Amino acid sequence: MPLTLVTHGAQHLPAALSPADLATIEAALAHLPPDQPGLRLASLPALGPLLGPTGPIGRHAAVHQGAASRPVRAILFDKSATTNWALGWHQDRTIAVRRRIDMAGFGPWTMKSGIQHVAPPQSLLDAMVTLRLHLDPVDADNAPLLIAPGSHHHGRVAEADVATLVARCGIHPCLAARGDIWLYATPILHASDAATNPRHRRVLQLDYSADPLPDGLEWLGV
């Protein structure tokens, strides 16, 4: 049975990106240095028409979030023989914002690549979705993302409980062809092994939200 976003926290969208979409994305990223484990991107104006709620990418988030859905963070991952990292099981727990404004319910604060990040209330994360756009094929030996299906239903998972919940939910490798999109509930537990046959595995990851931030706090945006 295929995974669904609501039940499992993940959904595979095969061939969601057209050749023209892929060409536009690659042109927008062409100036960036290769072989980076994670580049946080503050602005991708060339992709605006693709990422909005009626665009060929953004519409997949808008199906679940409505017309207010918008991209709020972008990260480019380029796993290769040069940058063949592994990442243990974890949840994404922070958002990227334009500037720090201290307020109740938001914290701790961290600075990543010169961008302010903060842990928001869990309810905000629970309403977010993440799209991973695959620019290269990902098979079983090229470090597919591993997810624990259904773990997004458990809110913020304490570090001490992660292994037990992964064992209960099971592990699903997210294989992909070039042009596929994987859609995730942002808080899903996920991990990544080092590739056993490393080669370029470029993924543009986009977080989407339909919620405004309070009291002058602003999403970084894309």
C-alpha atoms as a PDB file:
ATOM      1  CA  MET A   1       0.000   0.000   0.000  1.00  0.00           C
ATOM      2  CA  PRO A   2       1.444   3.437  -0.912  1.00  0.00           C
ATOM      3  CA  LEU A   3       2.278   5.813   1.917  1.00  0.00           C
ATOM      4  CA  THR A   4       0.001   8.823   2.437  1.00  0.00           C
ATOM      5  CA  LEU A   5       0.828  12.128   4.094  1.00  0.00           C
ATOM      6  CA  VAL A   6      -2.061  12.017   6.562  1.00  0.00           C
ATOM      7  CA  THR A   7      -1.612   8.436   7.755  1.00  0.00           C
ATOM      8  CA  HIS A   8       2.113   7.832   7.360  1.00  0.00           C
ATOM      9  CA  GLY A   9       3.534  11.372   7.254  1.00  0.00           C
ATOM     10  CA  ALA A  10       5.029  10.841   3.792  1.00  0.00           C
ATOM     11  CA  GLN A  11       3.855  10.592   0.203  1.00  0.00           C
ATOM     12  CA  HIS A  12       5.784   9.829  -2.982  1.00  0.00           C
ATOM     13  CA  LEU A  13       4.947  11.967  -6.032  1.00  0.00           C
ATOM     14  CA  PRO A  14       6.621  10.268  -9.030  1.00  0.00           C
ATOM     15  CA  ALA A  15       7.624  12.425 -12.010  1.00  0.00           C
ATOM     16  CA  ALA A  16       6.166  15.525 -10.335  1.00  0.00           C
ATOM     17  CA  LEU A  17       8.802  17.776 -11.938  1.00  0.00           C
ATOM     18  CA  SER A  18       8.736  18.256 -15.709  1.00  0.00           C
ATOM     19  CA  PRO A  19      11.961  18.549 -17.737  1.00  0.00           C
ATOM     20  CA  ALA A  20      11.304  22.310 -17.915  1.00  0.00           C
ATOM     21  CA  ASP A  21      10.859  22.497 -14.122  1.00  0.00           C
ATOM     22  CA  LEU A  22      14.124  20.624 -13.590  1.00  0.00           C
ATOM     23  CA  ALA A  23      15.966  22.908 -16.003  1.00  0.00           C
ATOM     24  CA  THR A  24      14.645  25.997 -14.185  1.00  0.00           C
ATOM     25  CA  ILE A  25      15.661  24.629 -10.783  1.00  0.00           C
ATOM     26  CA  GLU A  26      19.143  23.642 -11.929  1.00  0.00           C
ATOM     27  CA  ALA A  27      19.697  27.052 -13.555  1.00  0.00           C
ATOM     28  CA  ALA A  28      18.664  28.780 -10.309  1.00  0.00           C
ATOM     29  CA  LEU A  29      21.137  26.655  -8.328  1.00  0.00           C
ATOM     30  CA  ALA A  30      23.996  26.673 -10.861  1.00  0.00           C
ATOM     31  CA  HIS A  31      25.965  29.428  -9.081  1.00  0.00           C
ATOM     32  CA  LEU A  32      26.117  27.511  -5.797  1.00  0.00           C
ATOM     33  CA  PRO A  33      29.203  25.507  -4.788  1.00  0.00           C
ATOM     34  CA  PRO A  34      28.836  21.732  -5.304  1.00  0.00           C
ATOM     35  CA  ASP A  35      29.432  18.938  -2.795  1.00  0.00           C
ATOM     36  CA  GLN A  36      27.857  20.715   0.167  1.00  0.00           C
ATOM     37  CA  PRO A  37      26.192  18.745   2.965  1.00  0.00           C
ATOM     38  CA  GLY A  38      23.592  21.488   3.357  1.00  0.00           C
ATOM     39  CA  LEU A  39      23.317  25.006   1.938  1.00  0.00           C
ATOM     40  CA  ARG A  40      20.625  27.205   3.481  1.00  0.00           C
ATOM     41  CA  LEU A  41      19.217  29.428   0.755  1.00  0.00           C
ATOM     42  CA  ALA A  42      17.710  32.776   1.701  1.00  0.00           C
ATOM     43  CA  SER A  43      16.361  33.673  -1.741  1.00  0.00           C
ATOM     44  CA  LEU A  44      15.459  31.847  -4.950  1.00  0.00           C
ATOM     45  CA  PRO A  45      13.527  34.488  -6.938  1.00  0.00           C
ATOM     46  CA  ALA A  46      13.786  32.566 -10.203  1.00  0.00           C
ATOM     47  CA  LEU A  47      11.723  29.771  -8.680  1.00  0.00           C
ATOM     48  CA  GLY A  48       8.876  32.002  -7.497  1.00  0.00           C
ATOM     49  CA  PRO A  49       6.404  30.918 -10.202  1.00  0.00           C
ATOM     50  CA  LEU A  50       7.041  27.262  -9.369  1.00  0.00           C
ATOM     51  CA  LEU A  51       6.797  27.527  -5.590  1.00  0.00           C
ATOM     52  CA  GLY A  52       3.543  29.436  -5.043  1.00  0.00           C
ATOM     53  CA  PRO A  53       0.256  27.723  -4.152  1.00  0.00           C
ATOM     54  CA  THR A  54      -0.777  27.371  -7.805  1.00  0.00           C
ATOM     55  CA  GLY A  55       2.688  26.500  -9.121  1.00  0.00           C
ATOM     56  CA  PRO A  56       3.744  22.992 -10.156  1.00  0.00           C
ATOM     57  CA  ILE A  57       5.709  22.548  -6.915  1.00  0.00           C
ATOM     58  CA  GLY A  58       3.823  24.643  -4.377  1.00  0.00           C
ATOM     59  CA  ARG A  59       0.454  23.165  -5.287  1.00  0.00           C
ATOM     60  CA  HIS A  60       1.452  19.896  -3.601  1.00  0.00           C
ATOM     61  CA  ALA A  61       1.740  21.736  -0.283  1.00  0.00           C
ATOM     62  CA  ALA A  62      -1.356  23.863  -0.922  1.00  0.00           C
ATOM     63  CA  VAL A  63      -3.490  20.720  -1.282  1.00  0.00           C
ATOM     64  CA  HIS A  64      -2.941  20.217   2.447  1.00  0.00           C
ATOM     65  CA  GLN A  65      -2.508  23.813   3.663  1.00  0.00           C
ATOM     66  CA  GLY A  66      -4.762  25.906   1.441  1.00  0.00           C
ATOM     67  CA  ALA A  67      -4.153  29.076  -0.552  1.00  0.00           C
ATOM     68  CA  ALA A  68      -2.072  30.691   2.238  1.00  0.00           C
ATOM     69  CA  SER A  69       0.614  27.999   1.871  1.00  0.00           C
ATOM     70  CA  ARG A  70       4.050  29.432   1.088  1.00  0.00           C
ATOM     71  CA  PRO A  71       7.685  28.285   1.149  1.00  0.00           C
ATOM     72  CA  VAL A  72       9.426  29.433   4.324  1.00  0.00           C
ATOM     73  CA  ARG A  73      12.834  27.733   4.118  1.00  0.00           C
ATOM     74  CA  ALA A  74      15.031  26.133   1.449  1.00  0.00           C
ATOM     75  CA  ILE A  75      18.071  23.882   1.881  1.00  0.00           C
ATOM     76  CA  LEU A  76      20.102  22.262  -0.879  1.00  0.00           C
ATOM     77  CA  PHE A  77      21.708  18.925  -0.002  1.00  0.00           C
ATOM     78  CA  ASP A  78      24.376  17.485  -2.288  1.00  0.00           C
ATOM     79  CA  LYS A  79      25.572  14.139  -0.983  1.00  0.00           C
ATOM     80  CA  SER A  80      28.462  12.724  -3.016  1.00  0.00           C
ATOM     81  CA  ALA A  81      31.702  10.797  -2.628  1.00  0.00           C
ATOM     82  CA  THR A  82      33.211  14.020  -1.267  1.00  0.00           C
ATOM     83  CA  THR A  83      30.418  14.697   1.240  1.00  0.00           C
ATOM     84  CA  ASN A  84      29.114  11.253   2.149  1.00  0.00           C
ATOM     85  CA  TRP A  85      27.661  11.927   5.567  1.00  0.00           C
ATOM     86  CA  ALA A  86      25.338  10.000   7.851  1.00  0.00           C
ATOM     87  CA  LEU A  87      22.675  11.487  10.109  1.00  0.00           C
ATOM     88  CA  GLY A  88      20.997   9.763  13.029  1.00  0.00           C
ATOM     89  CA  TRP A  89      17.289   9.650  13.774  1.00  0.00           C
ATOM     90  CA  HIS A  90      15.849  13.061  14.595  1.00  0.00           C
ATOM     91  CA  GLN A  91      13.017  15.528  14.028  1.00  0.00           C
ATOM     92  CA  ASP A  92      13.309  18.945  12.373  1.00  0.00           C
ATOM     93  CA  ARG A  93      12.472  21.293  15.249  1.00  0.00           C
ATOM     94  CA  THR A  94      13.491  24.774  14.128  1.00  0.00           C
ATOM     95  CA  ILE A  95      12.289  27.392  11.665  1.00  0.00           C
ATOM     96  CA  ALA A  96      14.267  30.120   9.852  1.00  0.00           C
ATOM     97  CA  VAL A  97      13.304  33.740  10.545  1.00  0.00           C
ATOM     98  CA  ARG A  98      14.485  37.177   9.395  1.00  0.00           C
ATOM     99  CA  ARG A  99      15.535  38.471  12.801  1.00  0.00           C
ATOM    100  CA  ARG A 100      15.442  37.496  16.451  1.00  0.00           C
ATOM    101  CA  ILE A 101      12.530  38.692  18.559  1.00  0.00           C
ATOM    102  CA  ASP A 102      12.353  37.030  21.959  1.00  0.00           C
ATOM    103  CA  MET A 103       8.882  35.891  22.950  1.00  0.00           C
ATOM    104  CA  ALA A 104       7.172  33.214  24.984  1.00  0.00           C
ATOM    105  CA  GLY A 105       6.958  29.813  23.321  1.00  0.00           C
ATOM    106  CA  PHE A 106       9.834  30.416  20.899  1.00  0.00           C
ATOM    107  CA  GLY A 107      13.288  29.126  21.800  1.00  0.00           C
ATOM    108  CA  PRO A 108      16.044  28.202  22.035  1.00  0.00           C
ATOM    109  CA  TRP A 109      17.617  30.351  19.333  1.00  0.00           C
ATOM    110  CA  THR A 110      20.487  29.240  17.092  1.00  0.00           C
ATOM    111  CA  MET A 111      22.439  30.786  14.217  1.00  0.00           C
ATOM    112  CA  LYS A 112      22.985  28.537  11.185  1.00  0.00           C
ATOM    113  CA  SER A 113      24.881  29.823   8.139  1.00  0.00           C
ATOM    114  CA  GLY A 114      24.221  33.372   9.290  1.00  0.00           C
ATOM    115  CA  ILE A 115      20.454  32.785   9.500  1.00  0.00           C
ATOM    116  CA  GLN A 116      18.458  33.024  12.723  1.00  0.00           C
ATOM    117  CA  HIS A 117      16.685  29.791  13.647  1.00  0.00           C
ATOM    118  CA  VAL A 118      14.333  29.181  16.540  1.00  0.00           C
ATOM    119  CA  ALA A 119      12.342  26.271  17.939  1.00  0.00           C
ATOM    120  CA  PRO A 120       8.653  27.305  17.676  1.00  0.00           C
ATOM    121  CA  PRO A 121       5.626  25.840  19.443  1.00  0.00           C
ATOM    122  CA  GLN A 122       5.072  22.243  18.357  1.00  0.00           C
ATOM    123  CA  SER A 123       1.627  23.104  16.977  1.00  0.00           C
ATOM    124  CA  LEU A 124       3.247  25.270  14.300  1.00  0.00           C
ATOM    125  CA  LEU A 125       5.609  22.472  13.246  1.00  0.00           C
ATOM    126  CA  ASP A 126       2.732  19.981  13.196  1.00  0.00           C
ATOM    127  CA  ALA A 127       0.962  22.103  10.569  1.00  0.00           C
ATOM    128  CA  MET A 128       4.018  22.371   8.289  1.00  0.00           C
ATOM    129  CA  VAL A 129       4.916  20.170   5.335  1.00  0.00           C
ATOM    130  CA  THR A 130       8.267  19.553   3.684  1.00  0.00           C
ATOM    131  CA  LEU A 131       8.886  18.867  -0.005  1.00  0.00           C
ATOM    132  CA  ARG A 132      12.086  17.182  -1.148  1.00  0.00           C
ATOM    133  CA  LEU A 133      12.739  17.747  -4.855  1.00  0.00           C
ATOM    134  CA  HIS A 134      15.025  15.087  -6.323  1.00  0.00           C
ATOM    135  CA  LEU A 135      17.459  16.322  -8.973  1.00  0.00           C
ATOM    136  CA  ASP A 136      19.289  12.975  -9.094  1.00  0.00           C
ATOM    137  CA  PRO A 137      18.060   9.388  -8.755  1.00  0.00           C
ATOM    138  CA  VAL A 138      18.250   7.852  -5.286  1.00  0.00           C
ATOM    139  CA  ASP A 139      18.412   4.082  -5.058  1.00  0.00           C
ATOM    140  CA  ALA A 140      19.031   1.834  -2.066  1.00  0.00           C
ATOM    141  CA  ASP A 141      22.836   2.241  -2.121  1.00  0.00           C
ATOM    142  CA  ASN A 142      22.832   6.025  -2.673  1.00  0.00           C
ATOM    143  CA  ALA A 143      21.649   7.000   0.818  1.00  0.00           C
ATOM    144  CA  PRO A 144      17.868   7.424   0.524  1.00  0.00           C
ATOM    145  CA  LEU A 145      16.174   9.310   3.307  1.00  0.00           C
ATOM    146  CA  LEU A 146      14.871   6.897   5.943  1.00  0.00           C
ATOM    147  CA  ILE A 147      11.606   7.702   7.695  1.00  0.00           C
ATOM    148  CA  ALA A 148       9.590   6.195  10.526  1.00  0.00           C
ATOM    149  CA  PRO A 149       6.037   6.133   9.078  1.00  0.00           C
ATOM    150  CA  GLY A 150       3.420   7.537  11.432  1.00  0.00           C
ATOM    151  CA  SER A 151       5.926   9.078  13.839  1.00  0.00           C
ATOM    152  CA  HIS A 152       4.565  12.534  12.999  1.00  0.00           C
ATOM    153  CA  HIS A 153       1.472  11.719  15.084  1.00  0.00           C
ATOM    154  CA  HIS A 154       3.530  11.787  18.309  1.00  0.00           C
ATOM    155  CA  GLY A 155       4.390  15.486  18.546  1.00  0.00           C
ATOM    156  CA  ARG A 156       7.774  16.382  19.956  1.00  0.00           C
ATOM    157  CA  VAL A 157       9.589  13.120  20.685  1.00  0.00           C
ATOM    158  CA  ALA A 158      12.052  13.088  23.575  1.00  0.00           C
ATOM    159  CA  GLU A 159      15.541  11.990  22.589  1.00  0.00           C
ATOM    160  CA  ALA A 160      15.310   9.040  24.981  1.00  0.00           C
ATOM    161  CA  ASP A 161      12.161   7.797  23.208  1.00  0.00           C
ATOM    162  CA  VAL A 162      13.339   8.088  19.589  1.00  0.00           C
ATOM    163  CA  ALA A 163      14.765   4.577  19.207  1.00  0.00           C
ATOM    164  CA  THR A 164      11.680   2.963  20.731  1.00  0.00           C
ATOM    165  CA  LEU A 165       9.312   4.897  18.472  1.00  0.00           C
ATOM    166  CA  VAL A 166      11.358   4.091  15.353  1.00  0.00           C
ATOM    167  CA  ALA A 167      11.235   0.397  16.276  1.00  0.00           C
ATOM    168  CA  ARG A 168       7.459   0.623  16.735  1.00  0.00           C
ATOM    169  CA  CYS A 169       6.791   2.536  13.495  1.00  0.00           C
ATOM    170  CA  GLY A 170       9.323   0.698  11.334  1.00  0.00           C
ATOM    171  CA  ILE A 171      11.679   2.153   8.729  1.00  0.00           C
ATOM    172  CA  HIS A 172      10.861   3.085   5.140  1.00  0.00           C
ATOM    173  CA  PRO A 173      13.573   4.065   2.608  1.00  0.00           C
ATOM    174  CA  CYS A 174      12.434   6.883   0.322  1.00  0.00           C
ATOM    175  CA  LEU A 175      13.720   5.838  -3.089  1.00  0.00           C
ATOM    176  CA  ALA A 176      13.310   8.345  -5.917  1.00  0.00           C
ATOM    177  CA  ALA A 177      13.942   8.951  -9.598  1.00  0.00           C
ATOM    178  CA  ARG A 178      15.130  12.263 -10.987  1.00  0.00           C
ATOM    179  CA  GLY A 179      12.110  14.574 -11.043  1.00  0.00           C
ATOM    180  CA  ASP A 180      10.270  12.891  -8.175  1.00  0.00           C
ATOM    181  CA  ILE A 181       9.042  14.761  -5.109  1.00  0.00           C
ATOM    182  CA  TRP A 182       8.637  13.307  -1.642  1.00  0.00           C
ATOM    183  CA  LEU A 183       6.123  15.158   0.540  1.00  0.00           C
ATOM    184  CA  TYR A 184       6.547  14.875   4.317  1.00  0.00           C
ATOM    185  CA  ALA A 185       4.963  16.019   7.539  1.00  0.00           C
ATOM    186  CA  THR A 186       7.790  18.237   8.806  1.00  0.00           C
ATOM    187  CA  PRO A 187       8.036  16.637  12.310  1.00  0.00           C
ATOM    188  CA  ILE A 188       8.432  13.055  11.001  1.00  0.00           C
ATOM    189  CA  LEU A 189      11.379  11.126  12.447  1.00  0.00           C
ATOM    190  CA  HIS A 190      14.009  10.645   9.756  1.00  0.00           C
ATOM    191  CA  ALA A 191      17.639   9.644   9.249  1.00  0.00           C
ATOM    192  CA  SER A 192      20.186   9.087   6.504  1.00  0.00           C
ATOM    193  CA  ASP A 193      23.002   6.553   6.209  1.00  0.00           C
ATOM    194  CA  ALA A 194      26.223   7.158   4.319  1.00  0.00           C
ATOM    195  CA  ALA A 195      25.955   5.929   0.731  1.00  0.00           C
ATOM    196  CA  THR A 196      27.504   2.547  -0.005  1.00  0.00           C
ATOM    197  CA  ASN A 197      27.954   3.545  -3.661  1.00  0.00           C
ATOM    198  CA  PRO A 198      28.270   7.337  -3.372  1.00  0.00           C
ATOM    199  CA  ARG A 199      27.487   9.651  -6.264  1.00  0.00           C
ATOM    200  CA  HIS A 200      25.693  12.962  -6.531  1.00  0.00           C
ATOM    201  CA  ARG A 201      22.374  12.974  -4.695  1.00  0.00           C
ATOM    202  CA  ARG A 202      21.112  16.537  -5.026  1.00  0.00           C
ATOM    203  CA  VAL A 203      17.913  17.333  -3.145  1.00  0.00           C
ATOM    204  CA  LEU A 204      16.268  20.731  -2.813  1.00  0.00           C
ATOM    205  CA  GLN A 205      14.285  20.683   0.421  1.00  0.00           C
ATOM    206  CA  LEU A 206      11.476  23.203   0.901  1.00  0.00           C
ATOM    207  CA  ASP A 207       9.496  23.755   4.099  1.00  0.00           C
ATOM    208  CA  TYR A 208       5.981  25.147   3.701  1.00  0.00           C
ATOM    209  CA  SER A 209       3.647  26.834   6.168  1.00  0.00           C
ATOM    210  CA  ALA A 210       0.296  28.604   5.951  1.00  0.00           C
ATOM    211  CA  ASP A 211       0.596  30.149   9.413  1.00  0.00           C
ATOM    212  CA  PRO A 212       1.719  33.723  10.166  1.00  0.00           C
ATOM    213  CA  LEU A 213       4.233  34.245  12.946  1.00  0.00           C
ATOM    214  CA  PRO A 214       3.263  36.402  15.970  1.00  0.00           C
ATOM    215  CA  ASP A 215       4.351  39.827  17.204  1.00  0.00           C
ATOM    216  CA  GLY A 216       6.552  40.940  14.319  1.00  0.00           C
ATOM    217  CA  LEU A 217       8.449  37.677  13.901  1.00  0.00           C
ATOM    218  CA  GLU A 218       8.880  36.976  10.169  1.00  0.00           C
ATOM    219  CA  TRP A 219       9.561  33.818   8.220  1.00  0.00           C
ATOM    220  CA  LEU A 220      12.834  33.955   6.306  1.00  0.00           C
ATOM    221  CA  GLY A 221      11.007  32.808   3.193  1.00  0.00           C
ATOM    222  CA  VAL A 222      12.430  31.668  -0.135  1.00  0.00           C
END
